[in-house]
Structures are given as C-alpha cells and as structure tokens.
C-alpha cells in the first residue's frame, strides 16, 4: 500500500463522534477500494465487503426493505462466514452507484448506530442510461441527504508520487524552506526532483500504473495499463450514458489532446466536430467532468478575487485530471520525447496540463485570464490572500502578458506572480521563478 493523503480524512472521520456513513467519491482506478479496505481492516475487528459491480446479485440484500437487521439477516444467509458484531464491524459498499438501495440504506445504518459504513463510488451524480429495472430501483431509493459524509479522492498527486519514490519529509521540508527563503535548491536534489517530475508526467497517479513503473521500469507495461484505464472510461460512457449521448461523450473525450494543441486552448466544440455547437455537446462534456475524468479551467473577467465570482461560464479550457492518462492518449514515442525534453510545440500543452493536474489534486479550482488582443495568463490562484498569476514557461525571461499585467497594478490589481519551468528558484523584480516540481507546495490561500 502507498501512503495516501485520504488516510487523514478517514482518521478525522473515525475520530468524529457525530460521524455518518462515509462515501468516498473519485474517478475509476484512483485507489478508493484499496485505501478504504486497508483503513477498515486496520481499525475494525470485522469487515464486511460488498462489491456491487463485481456481484450485482448483492443488491438483493437491500430488498424488500432497508431495516438494518433485515439486511443483515439476508446477507448472512448468503454469506454465512461473515462475522457481524455491534461496535466491532465496518461494512464496505464498493461501487455504491450500482445499488441505489444500498445508498438509501445509509440513513438507516446511521440511525441504528451499531455499525460503521464506508462506501466508494465512481460515477455518483452522473446522469445517463438506466434499464427499466434500474430506473425502478432508483425511483424507490433516495439519496440519504444529511445522513452521509462525502469526501473526494483523486489519483495519486505529485507529493504522493514523491513518497512512493522514497522521498522523505525532510526533503519536502527542505523544498518548503527554499520556497520560503527564495533560495535555489542544491544541484543534486534539484536534478533528482526534475527526474521524478518527468517520470510523473508519463506515469501519472493511477496506483496500478505507478506500481508497474516502480516494479518494472518498463514503459510498455505502463502505457498498456494506462490505455486499459482509458478504455474502461470509454466503456463506462457506453454503459452509463444515455443512448443519445454516447457518441457525443466519446467525441468530446477524444478531442482533448487536439484541444490542448491549439495556441489558444479554450475548449472549442468545432474541434469536437466541424460545426459542433455548445447546445449539442455541453451535456456530454458535463458527463465527463462529473465522472472525474477532466477538469475545467474558467476564464475570468478580471484578475481579482474572488476568482469564482468573476469567471466566464462559457469560456473554459479542459484538462485531463491525470497527466499520465493524457500522455497515454498521444501517439507511441511521446513518453520518450517527454523524458528527453523533445516535445517541441506540444511541450506547452503537457506542462500546462501538468500544472492543472497538481493544482486540481490539491483541491484547487482552476482559472485563467484571456483578453482579445493576445493577453493571456496560464492560471490564476488565490495565494497568500492575493490574486496570483501562474505561468508555465520554458525560459527564465518574463512572458509578455505577465510583464504587461505586472506593469499596470492600477488596472489589473496584481502585485506579484509565479513562473514555473525547468529551472531553479530565482527572482526577477515581482516575479518569483520556481521549478515545476515545487508547484505542489502552493497550499497557502
């Protein structure tokens, strides 16, 4: 098992005397099941695990009623080896979106109070196709509003990747001090972190993929696993989406690499299909976002806080939520080019998606700034109480747009900026340059 930050959320949940059944939401294959199982087995004498995707017949345990003792009676009749003791047992409902009645039962488990429940869900909140039987189940069930705690889980972020590669707290603390003091990172450590960052770009944060890379170092196995995960996402689009949306969802998804290749990366429905319009594809794009596969980055009217209050709803970029999966969608040989720094014009797209990956997995919402005439800032974040532009650049010189914004604080209300690239820590006037591997340290808001 890898060290995952979600464990802190689990521990806080367990220590809360008012806790409710816990629902862990996240994209498929991000490590939800293994993390929940590992935590439950470490903290409870008995664990009862029900996987509704692998065993759809388990749904019968939740009909014809949701009374807890009745559920347990039906369950133990089918699974006589299960040990269930009040105060000592945790139920795990895996892929709970496949059994609406199990989710509805969380209310009754909470009111009963004798057992803990932890759940995982990959496609919670995604609207799509339902069989007549599933429609009936969903109509009879109800989301237990007020009777569940929900946490979001993401694929492994860059810091978790560092932990998996043996980086210790002392090394991260050293990076934090370099950021705080604005001093360069020592050459040996700088080179090591650069190497780990390049590897993270091609591997990403899916735990199974990370394991394959760390154990074999064979990129062929890494790519095969990534593409299998992408294929599973496409299969979900076929299985769960409404019939009229299936092809549109897939078209939107498969257009993402081409969207990022454009000089101005604002998402365009005409890239999805010539003549494509928002009214035809907006719902399909929303489906992919709700499934946790992508993240939107919204343009803002002005460079001021609060950023969400100034976002332009109709203008946005789209990034893959996991950088490794984006790279796997490109042609063979891309991984080698990235590791060698030879991506040419697509280099900017990869680095932008990398920064979106790092910020998004920190739980930050994504924003950028673009005005007609060419003024564009890659990202805007709230940092140390200020609206702060973030730029991804290959060289240490100031970008034209960033220079313009900093030159006119009376107009743009920006006091300083951060510029990321393949270089060490340094400062030029009001711009702090940082290596991209330091982006995960921008936790202060």
Protein backbone atom coordinates (compact mmCIF):
# COMPACT_ATOMS: atom_id res chain seq x y z
CA UNK A 1 0.00 0.00 0.00
CA UNK A 2 1.13 3.50 -0.80
CA UNK A 3 0.88 6.34 1.67
CA UNK A 4 -2.19 8.35 0.61
CA UNK A 5 -3.45 11.68 1.90
CA UNK A 6 -7.02 10.35 2.02
CA UNK A 7 -5.98 8.45 5.16
CA UNK A 8 -6.07 11.77 7.06
CA UNK A 9 -9.69 12.27 6.05
CA UNK A 10 -10.52 8.70 7.12
CA UNK A 11 -8.87 9.24 10.51
CA UNK A 12 -10.70 12.52 11.07
CA UNK A 13 -13.96 10.79 10.16
CA UNK A 14 -13.34 7.97 12.63
CA UNK A 15 -12.47 10.38 15.45
CA UNK A 16 -15.67 12.39 14.92
CA UNK A 17 -18.31 11.30 17.43
CA UNK A 18 -21.03 12.63 15.10
CA UNK A 19 -19.77 10.69 12.08
CA UNK A 20 -22.15 9.35 9.48
CA UNK A 21 -21.61 6.65 6.87
CA UNK A 22 -18.69 7.76 4.69
CA UNK A 23 -18.92 7.98 0.88
CA UNK A 24 -15.61 8.24 -0.99
CA UNK A 25 -16.11 9.70 -4.47
CA UNK A 26 -13.49 9.53 -7.17
CA UNK A 27 -12.65 8.58 -10.72
CA UNK A 28 -12.26 4.89 -11.52
CA UNK A 29 -8.93 3.24 -10.64
CA UNK A 30 -7.70 6.04 -8.38
CA UNK A 31 -7.24 3.72 -5.38
CA UNK A 32 -10.52 4.17 -3.50
CA UNK A 33 -11.20 0.50 -2.79
CA UNK A 34 -7.70 -0.43 -1.65
CA UNK A 35 -7.46 2.64 0.59
CA UNK A 36 -10.85 2.03 2.22
CA UNK A 37 -10.16 -1.68 2.72
CA UNK A 38 -6.74 -1.04 4.21
CA UNK A 39 -8.11 1.54 6.64
CA UNK A 40 -11.10 -0.57 7.68
CA UNK A 41 -9.01 -3.69 8.26
CA UNK A 42 -6.61 -1.65 10.40
CA UNK A 43 -9.31 -0.12 12.60
CA UNK A 44 -12.14 -2.67 12.86
CA UNK A 45 -12.26 -6.23 14.13
CA UNK A 46 -14.69 -7.29 11.37
CA UNK A 47 -15.01 -6.00 7.80
CA UNK A 48 -17.89 -6.99 5.54
CA UNK A 49 -17.10 -6.14 1.92
CA UNK A 50 -19.77 -5.91 -0.81
CA UNK A 51 -18.74 -5.07 -4.39
CA UNK A 52 -21.89 -4.25 -6.36
CA UNK A 53 -20.12 -4.06 -9.71
CA UNK A 54 -18.49 -7.47 -9.38
CA UNK A 55 -21.51 -9.05 -7.67
CA UNK A 56 -24.74 -7.34 -8.80
CA UNK A 57 -26.65 -10.10 -7.02
CA UNK A 58 -25.71 -8.45 -3.72
CA UNK A 59 -28.44 -5.90 -4.45
CA UNK A 60 -30.97 -8.45 -3.20
CA UNK A 61 -29.74 -7.87 0.37
CA UNK A 62 -31.45 -4.45 0.27
CA UNK A 63 -34.93 -5.54 -0.78
CA UNK A 64 -37.77 -5.59 0.08
CA UNK A 65 -36.91 -3.21 2.97
CA UNK A 66 -33.94 -1.29 4.42
CA UNK A 67 -34.30 -2.21 8.08
CA UNK A 68 -30.75 -2.94 9.27
CA UNK A 69 -31.46 -6.26 10.98
CA UNK A 70 -33.34 -7.45 7.88
CA UNK A 71 -30.38 -6.52 5.66
CA UNK A 72 -28.02 -8.41 7.95
CA UNK A 73 -30.31 -11.44 8.04
CA UNK A 74 -30.41 -11.64 4.24
CA UNK A 75 -26.69 -11.01 3.94
CA UNK A 76 -25.60 -13.65 6.45
CA UNK A 77 -27.92 -16.21 4.88
CA UNK A 78 -25.97 -15.82 1.63
CA UNK A 79 -22.58 -15.24 3.31
CA UNK A 80 -22.56 -17.41 6.44
CA UNK A 81 -18.85 -16.83 7.05
CA UNK A 82 -19.41 -13.09 7.62
CA UNK A 83 -18.90 -12.08 11.26
CA UNK A 84 -21.02 -9.10 12.33
CA UNK A 85 -20.78 -7.67 15.85
CA UNK A 86 -22.20 -4.40 17.10
CA UNK A 87 -19.46 -1.81 17.67
CA UNK A 88 -16.84 -4.02 16.02
CA UNK A 89 -17.92 -4.16 12.39
CA UNK A 90 -17.48 -1.95 9.34
CA UNK A 91 -19.49 -2.56 6.19
CA UNK A 92 -17.87 -1.54 2.91
CA UNK A 93 -20.19 -0.88 -0.02
CA UNK A 94 -18.00 -0.75 -3.13
CA UNK A 95 -19.25 0.94 -6.34
CA UNK A 96 -22.36 2.03 -4.47
CA UNK A 97 -23.72 3.86 -7.53
CA UNK A 98 -24.61 0.42 -8.90
CA UNK A 99 -27.01 -0.20 -5.98
CA UNK A 100 -29.17 2.85 -5.19
CA UNK A 101 -30.95 0.95 -2.43
CA UNK A 102 -27.63 0.37 -0.63
CA UNK A 103 -27.00 4.11 -0.66
CA UNK A 104 -30.54 4.74 0.62
CA UNK A 105 -29.80 2.32 3.47
CA UNK A 106 -27.09 4.62 4.84
CA UNK A 107 -29.80 6.63 6.58
CA UNK A 108 -30.94 3.56 8.47
CA UNK A 109 -27.41 2.41 9.34
CA UNK A 110 -26.74 5.85 10.78
CA UNK A 111 -29.95 5.94 12.79
CA UNK A 112 -29.31 2.39 14.00
CA UNK A 113 -25.81 3.35 15.18
CA UNK A 114 -24.39 -0.12 15.81
CA UNK A 115 -22.19 -0.40 12.73
CA UNK A 116 -19.91 1.80 10.64
CA UNK A 117 -20.25 2.01 6.87
CA UNK A 118 -17.67 3.14 4.30
CA UNK A 119 -18.61 3.38 0.62
CA UNK A 120 -16.90 4.05 -2.69
CA UNK A 121 -18.48 5.48 -5.81
CA UNK A 122 -17.00 6.14 -9.25
CA UNK A 123 -19.91 7.68 -11.11
CA UNK A 124 -22.03 9.27 -8.39
CA UNK A 125 -24.02 12.16 -9.75
CA UNK A 126 -23.56 11.12 -13.38
CA UNK A 127 -26.81 11.13 -15.31
CA UNK A 128 -27.25 8.56 -18.03
CA UNK A 129 -28.88 5.45 -19.31
CA UNK A 130 -30.85 3.23 -16.94
CA UNK A 131 -32.54 -0.08 -17.64
CA UNK A 132 -36.22 -0.28 -16.63
CA UNK A 133 -35.18 -2.29 -13.57
CA UNK A 134 -32.52 0.29 -12.62
CA UNK A 135 -35.00 3.13 -13.08
CA UNK A 136 -37.40 1.36 -10.73
CA UNK A 137 -34.63 0.84 -8.16
CA UNK A 138 -33.58 4.50 -8.37
CA UNK A 139 -37.17 5.72 -8.02
CA UNK A 140 -37.69 3.56 -4.95
CA UNK A 141 -34.40 4.67 -3.39
CA UNK A 142 -33.49 8.14 -2.26
CA UNK A 143 -30.13 9.81 -1.66
CA UNK A 144 -29.74 9.98 2.15
CA UNK A 145 -29.25 13.73 2.36
CA UNK A 146 -27.95 14.62 5.80
CA UNK A 147 -27.10 11.01 6.65
CA UNK A 148 -23.75 10.59 4.85
CA UNK A 149 -20.33 12.23 4.89
CA UNK A 150 -18.75 12.67 1.45
CA UNK A 151 -15.04 13.04 0.63
CA UNK A 152 -13.39 13.31 -2.77
CA UNK A 153 -10.42 11.17 -3.70
CA UNK A 154 -8.09 11.75 -6.64
CA UNK A 155 -5.37 9.72 -8.33
CA UNK A 156 -2.00 9.99 -6.57
CA UNK A 157 -0.76 13.55 -6.61
CA UNK A 158 2.84 14.62 -7.14
CA UNK A 159 3.67 14.60 -3.42
CA UNK A 160 2.25 11.08 -3.03
CA UNK A 161 4.36 10.11 -6.07
CA UNK A 162 7.41 11.50 -4.26
CA UNK A 163 6.56 9.41 -1.18
CA UNK A 164 6.23 6.30 -3.35
CA UNK A 165 9.73 7.00 -4.66
CA UNK A 166 11.27 7.19 -1.21
CA UNK A 167 11.31 10.97 -0.75
CA UNK A 168 11.18 11.74 2.97
CA UNK A 169 9.53 14.54 4.93
CA UNK A 170 12.96 16.10 5.47
CA UNK A 171 13.35 16.50 1.69
CA UNK A 172 9.92 18.12 1.32
CA UNK A 173 10.66 20.38 4.30
CA UNK A 174 13.87 21.43 2.56
CA UNK A 175 11.92 22.38 -0.58
CA UNK A 176 9.48 24.38 1.55
CA UNK A 177 12.38 26.30 3.08
CA UNK A 178 13.82 27.02 -0.36
CA UNK A 179 10.42 28.38 -1.41
CA UNK A 180 10.05 30.47 1.73
CA UNK A 181 13.59 31.86 1.58
CA UNK A 182 13.63 32.11 -2.24
CA UNK A 183 16.93 30.24 -2.40
CA UNK A 184 17.98 27.74 -5.12
CA UNK A 185 17.68 24.01 -4.50
CA UNK A 186 21.03 22.22 -4.24
CA UNK A 187 22.09 20.73 -7.57
CA UNK A 188 21.91 17.05 -6.57
CA UNK A 189 18.39 17.39 -5.15
CA UNK A 190 17.32 19.68 -7.99
CA UNK A 191 18.32 17.07 -10.56
CA UNK A 192 16.58 14.30 -8.62
CA UNK A 193 13.30 16.21 -8.36
CA UNK A 194 13.46 17.14 -12.06
CA UNK A 195 13.88 13.47 -12.90
CA UNK A 196 10.94 12.48 -10.69
CA UNK A 197 8.77 15.18 -12.23
CA UNK A 198 9.47 13.98 -15.78
CA UNK A 199 8.65 10.43 -14.73
CA UNK A 200 5.43 11.61 -13.09
CA UNK A 201 4.37 13.27 -16.36
CA UNK A 202 4.48 9.95 -18.23
CA UNK A 203 3.30 7.70 -15.37
CA UNK A 204 0.66 9.85 -13.69
CA UNK A 205 -1.08 8.92 -10.45
CA UNK A 206 -3.12 5.76 -11.05
CA UNK A 207 -1.81 3.39 -8.33
CA UNK A 208 -1.75 0.29 -10.55
CA UNK A 209 0.26 2.20 -13.16
CA UNK A 210 2.62 3.57 -10.50
CA UNK A 211 3.24 0.03 -9.23
CA UNK A 212 4.01 -1.24 -12.72
CA UNK A 213 6.55 1.53 -13.27
CA UNK A 214 8.26 1.23 -9.90
CA UNK A 215 8.50 -2.55 -10.10
CA UNK A 216 9.48 -2.97 -13.76
CA UNK A 217 10.55 0.44 -15.16
CA UNK A 218 9.04 -0.83 -18.42
CA UNK A 219 7.17 1.91 -20.24
CA UNK A 220 5.40 -0.65 -22.41
CA UNK A 221 3.61 -2.05 -19.36
CA UNK A 222 2.85 1.45 -18.10
CA UNK A 223 1.28 2.52 -21.39
CA UNK A 224 -0.72 -0.71 -21.70
CA UNK A 225 -2.24 -0.19 -18.23
CA UNK A 226 -2.99 3.48 -18.89
CA UNK A 227 -4.71 2.69 -22.16
CA UNK A 228 -6.71 -0.05 -20.48
CA UNK A 229 -7.95 2.50 -17.94
CA UNK A 230 -8.84 4.91 -20.77
CA UNK A 231 -10.70 2.06 -22.49
CA UNK A 232 -12.59 1.42 -19.24
CA UNK A 233 -13.62 5.07 -19.17
CA UNK A 234 -14.93 4.71 -22.73
CA UNK A 235 -16.76 1.54 -21.71
CA UNK A 236 -18.41 3.47 -18.86
CA UNK A 237 -19.53 6.04 -21.42
CA UNK A 238 -21.26 3.28 -23.33
CA UNK A 239 -22.69 1.57 -20.26
CA UNK A 240 -23.86 4.52 -18.18
CA UNK A 241 -24.58 7.35 -20.64
CA UNK A 242 -27.95 7.89 -22.27
CA UNK A 243 -28.15 6.33 -25.72
CA UNK A 244 -28.41 9.69 -27.48
CA UNK A 245 -25.27 10.96 -25.69
CA UNK A 246 -22.87 8.01 -26.04
CA UNK A 247 -21.16 9.08 -29.26
CA UNK A 248 -21.06 12.75 -28.27
CA UNK A 249 -19.42 12.00 -24.94
CA UNK A 250 -16.76 9.92 -26.64
CA UNK A 251 -16.17 12.61 -29.28
CA UNK A 252 -15.67 15.24 -26.57
CA UNK A 253 -13.30 12.98 -24.65
CA UNK A 254 -11.20 12.04 -27.67
CA UNK A 255 -10.87 15.69 -28.73
CA UNK A 256 -8.97 16.73 -25.60
CA UNK A 257 -5.41 16.21 -26.94
CA UNK A 258 -6.30 18.27 -30.03
CA UNK A 259 -7.92 20.97 -27.88
CA UNK A 260 -4.68 21.37 -25.93
CA UNK A 261 -2.59 21.52 -29.11
CA UNK A 262 -4.19 24.84 -30.12
CA UNK A 263 -2.34 28.09 -29.47
CA UNK A 264 -5.32 29.42 -27.52
CA UNK A 265 -6.52 26.36 -25.65
CA UNK A 266 -10.07 27.49 -24.93
CA UNK A 267 -12.34 24.48 -25.45
CA UNK A 268 -14.00 24.65 -28.86
CA UNK A 269 -16.93 22.47 -29.86
CA UNK A 270 -15.86 22.83 -33.52
CA UNK A 271 -12.75 20.83 -32.64
CA UNK A 272 -15.01 18.05 -31.36
CA UNK A 273 -16.76 18.05 -34.74
CA UNK A 274 -16.78 20.62 -37.56
CA UNK A 275 -19.81 22.79 -36.99
CA UNK A 276 -20.22 21.50 -33.43
CA UNK A 277 -22.18 23.70 -31.04
CA UNK A 278 -22.39 24.00 -27.31
CA UNK A 279 -26.08 23.15 -27.21
CA UNK A 280 -25.26 19.80 -28.83
CA UNK A 281 -22.24 18.88 -26.71
CA UNK A 282 -22.42 20.79 -23.41
CA UNK A 283 -24.22 17.96 -21.62
CA UNK A 284 -21.75 15.40 -22.94
CA UNK A 285 -18.79 17.41 -21.66
CA UNK A 286 -20.53 17.78 -18.30
CA UNK A 287 -20.89 13.99 -18.11
CA UNK A 288 -17.11 13.55 -18.46
CA UNK A 289 -16.47 16.20 -15.83
CA UNK A 290 -18.98 14.67 -13.41
CA UNK A 291 -17.21 11.32 -13.86
CA UNK A 292 -13.99 12.97 -12.62
CA UNK A 293 -12.05 12.36 -15.86
CA UNK A 294 -11.45 16.02 -16.73
CA UNK A 295 -11.20 19.42 -15.08
CA UNK A 296 -12.38 22.74 -16.43
CA UNK A 297 -10.33 25.90 -16.12
CA UNK A 298 -12.50 29.01 -16.43
CA UNK A 299 -11.56 32.36 -17.93
CA UNK A 300 -12.17 35.33 -15.64
CA UNK A 301 -13.47 38.80 -16.43
CA UNK A 302 -10.78 40.46 -14.31
CA UNK A 303 -7.73 39.48 -12.29
CA UNK A 304 -9.29 39.98 -8.88
CA UNK A 305 -10.59 37.88 -6.01
CA UNK A 306 -12.92 36.09 -5.63
CA UNK A 307 -12.00 34.28 -8.82
CA UNK A 308 -15.17 32.20 -8.92
CA UNK A 309 -17.22 35.38 -8.78
CA UNK A 310 -15.53 36.68 -11.93
CA UNK A 311 -15.47 33.51 -14.01
CA UNK A 312 -16.95 33.47 -17.51
CA UNK A 313 -19.19 30.42 -17.62
CA UNK A 314 -18.96 29.95 -21.39
CA UNK A 315 -15.17 30.27 -21.72
CA UNK A 316 -13.00 27.48 -20.39
CA UNK A 317 -10.12 25.14 -21.08
CA UNK A 318 -10.33 21.41 -20.42
CA UNK A 319 -7.50 19.38 -18.92
CA UNK A 320 -7.25 15.69 -18.14
CA UNK A 321 -7.49 15.14 -14.38
CA UNK A 322 -4.46 12.84 -14.54
CA UNK A 323 -1.44 13.88 -16.62
CA UNK A 324 -0.30 10.31 -17.29
CA UNK A 325 -3.60 9.44 -18.96
CA UNK A 326 -3.32 12.48 -21.24
CA UNK A 327 0.13 11.38 -22.37
CA UNK A 328 -1.10 7.82 -22.94
CA UNK A 329 -3.68 9.19 -25.39
CA UNK A 330 -0.90 10.53 -27.62
CA UNK A 331 1.00 8.50 -30.19
CA UNK A 332 3.71 5.94 -29.44
CA UNK A 333 7.05 7.50 -28.57
CA UNK A 334 5.62 10.54 -26.81
CA UNK A 335 6.78 9.25 -23.43
CA UNK A 336 10.38 9.01 -24.64
CA UNK A 337 10.17 12.52 -26.11
CA UNK A 338 8.93 13.91 -22.79
CA UNK A 339 11.71 12.26 -20.83
CA UNK A 340 14.23 13.71 -23.29
CA UNK A 341 12.59 17.15 -23.47
CA UNK A 342 11.87 16.94 -27.22
CA UNK A 343 8.13 17.68 -27.46
CA UNK A 344 8.54 20.93 -29.41
CA UNK A 345 5.21 22.75 -29.84
CA UNK A 346 3.22 20.31 -27.68
CA UNK A 347 5.59 20.90 -24.75
CA UNK A 348 3.45 23.79 -23.51
CA UNK A 349 0.26 21.71 -23.57
CA UNK A 350 1.84 18.96 -21.47
CA UNK A 351 3.31 21.39 -18.94
CA UNK A 352 0.01 23.26 -18.63
CA UNK A 353 -1.87 20.01 -18.02
CA UNK A 354 0.81 19.02 -15.52
CA UNK A 355 0.23 22.21 -13.55
CA UNK A 356 -3.55 21.68 -13.81
CA UNK A 357 -3.02 18.13 -12.50
CA UNK A 358 -1.02 19.35 -9.50
CA UNK A 359 -3.39 22.20 -8.64
CA UNK A 360 -6.52 20.13 -9.19
CA UNK A 361 -5.36 17.27 -6.98
CA UNK A 362 -4.76 19.85 -4.25
CA UNK A 363 -8.48 20.59 -4.44
CA UNK A 364 -7.99 23.98 -6.11
CA UNK A 365 -10.45 25.18 -8.72
CA UNK A 366 -8.80 26.24 -11.96
CA UNK A 367 -8.93 29.70 -13.55
CA UNK A 368 -7.03 31.60 -16.24
CA UNK A 369 -7.17 35.07 -17.80
CA UNK A 370 -7.51 35.88 -21.50
CA UNK A 371 -8.42 39.06 -23.29
CA UNK A 372 -8.81 39.64 -27.01
CA UNK A 373 -5.60 41.07 -28.36
CA UNK A 374 -3.40 38.28 -27.03
CA UNK A 375 -3.14 39.00 -23.30
CA UNK A 376 -3.25 35.62 -21.55
CA UNK A 377 -2.16 34.24 -18.18
CA UNK A 378 -1.99 30.43 -17.90
CA UNK A 379 -3.54 30.19 -14.41
CA UNK A 380 -4.82 32.40 -11.62
CA UNK A 381 -4.96 31.25 -7.99
CA UNK A 382 -5.60 32.71 -4.57
CA UNK A 383 -2.17 32.59 -2.91
CA UNK A 384 -1.37 34.24 0.42
CA UNK A 385 -4.61 36.19 0.17
CA UNK A 386 -3.80 37.69 -3.23
CA UNK A 387 -4.80 37.00 -6.82
CA UNK A 388 -1.60 35.49 -8.21
CA UNK A 389 -0.87 34.56 -11.84
CA UNK A 390 0.96 31.31 -12.56
CA UNK A 391 2.82 30.93 -15.84
CA UNK A 392 4.42 27.83 -17.40
CA UNK A 393 7.42 28.88 -19.47
CA UNK A 394 10.49 27.15 -20.85
CA UNK A 395 12.81 30.14 -20.32
CA UNK A 396 13.54 32.41 -17.37
CA UNK A 397 12.61 35.66 -19.17
CA UNK A 398 9.31 37.38 -18.37
CA UNK A 399 6.42 36.47 -20.63
CA UNK A 400 4.92 39.45 -22.45
CA UNK A 401 1.44 39.08 -20.92
CA UNK A 402 2.82 38.67 -17.42
CA UNK A 403 5.08 41.69 -17.87
CA UNK A 404 2.10 43.78 -19.02
CA UNK A 405 -0.07 42.80 -16.06
CA UNK A 406 2.68 43.46 -13.50
CA UNK A 407 3.48 46.81 -15.12
CA UNK A 408 -0.08 48.06 -14.56
CA UNK A 409 -1.16 47.19 -11.00
CA UNK A 410 -3.68 50.04 -11.07
CA UNK A 411 -5.54 48.20 -13.85
CA UNK A 412 -5.01 44.51 -13.09
CA UNK A 413 -4.57 44.64 -9.27
CA UNK A 414 -1.79 42.03 -9.37
CA UNK A 415 1.18 42.58 -7.06
CA UNK A 416 3.34 39.55 -7.87
CA UNK A 417 3.48 36.39 -9.99
CA UNK A 418 4.94 32.90 -10.04
CA UNK A 419 6.58 31.49 -13.14
CA UNK A 420 7.24 27.76 -13.43
CA UNK A 421 9.62 25.94 -15.74
CA UNK A 422 12.66 23.70 -15.97
CA UNK A 423 14.91 25.93 -13.87
CA UNK A 424 15.81 26.63 -10.25
CA UNK A 425 14.45 29.13 -7.73
CA UNK A 426 15.13 32.77 -8.53
CA UNK A 427 13.55 36.20 -8.51
CA UNK A 428 13.24 38.97 -11.07
CA UNK A 429 11.54 42.01 -9.58
CA UNK A 430 7.96 40.93 -8.71
CA UNK A 431 8.17 37.54 -10.44
CA UNK A 432 9.35 34.52 -8.47
CA UNK A 433 10.62 31.76 -10.77
CA UNK A 434 10.23 28.20 -9.50
CA UNK A 435 10.92 24.71 -10.77
CA UNK A 436 7.68 22.97 -11.76
CA UNK A 437 8.25 20.30 -9.12
CA UNK A 438 7.59 22.95 -6.46
CA UNK A 439 4.02 23.66 -7.56
CA UNK A 440 2.58 21.20 -5.02
CA UNK A 441 3.84 23.45 -2.23
CA UNK A 442 1.38 26.25 -3.05
CA UNK A 443 -1.00 25.27 -0.27
CA UNK A 444 -1.42 28.68 1.36
CA UNK A 445 -4.54 30.56 0.38
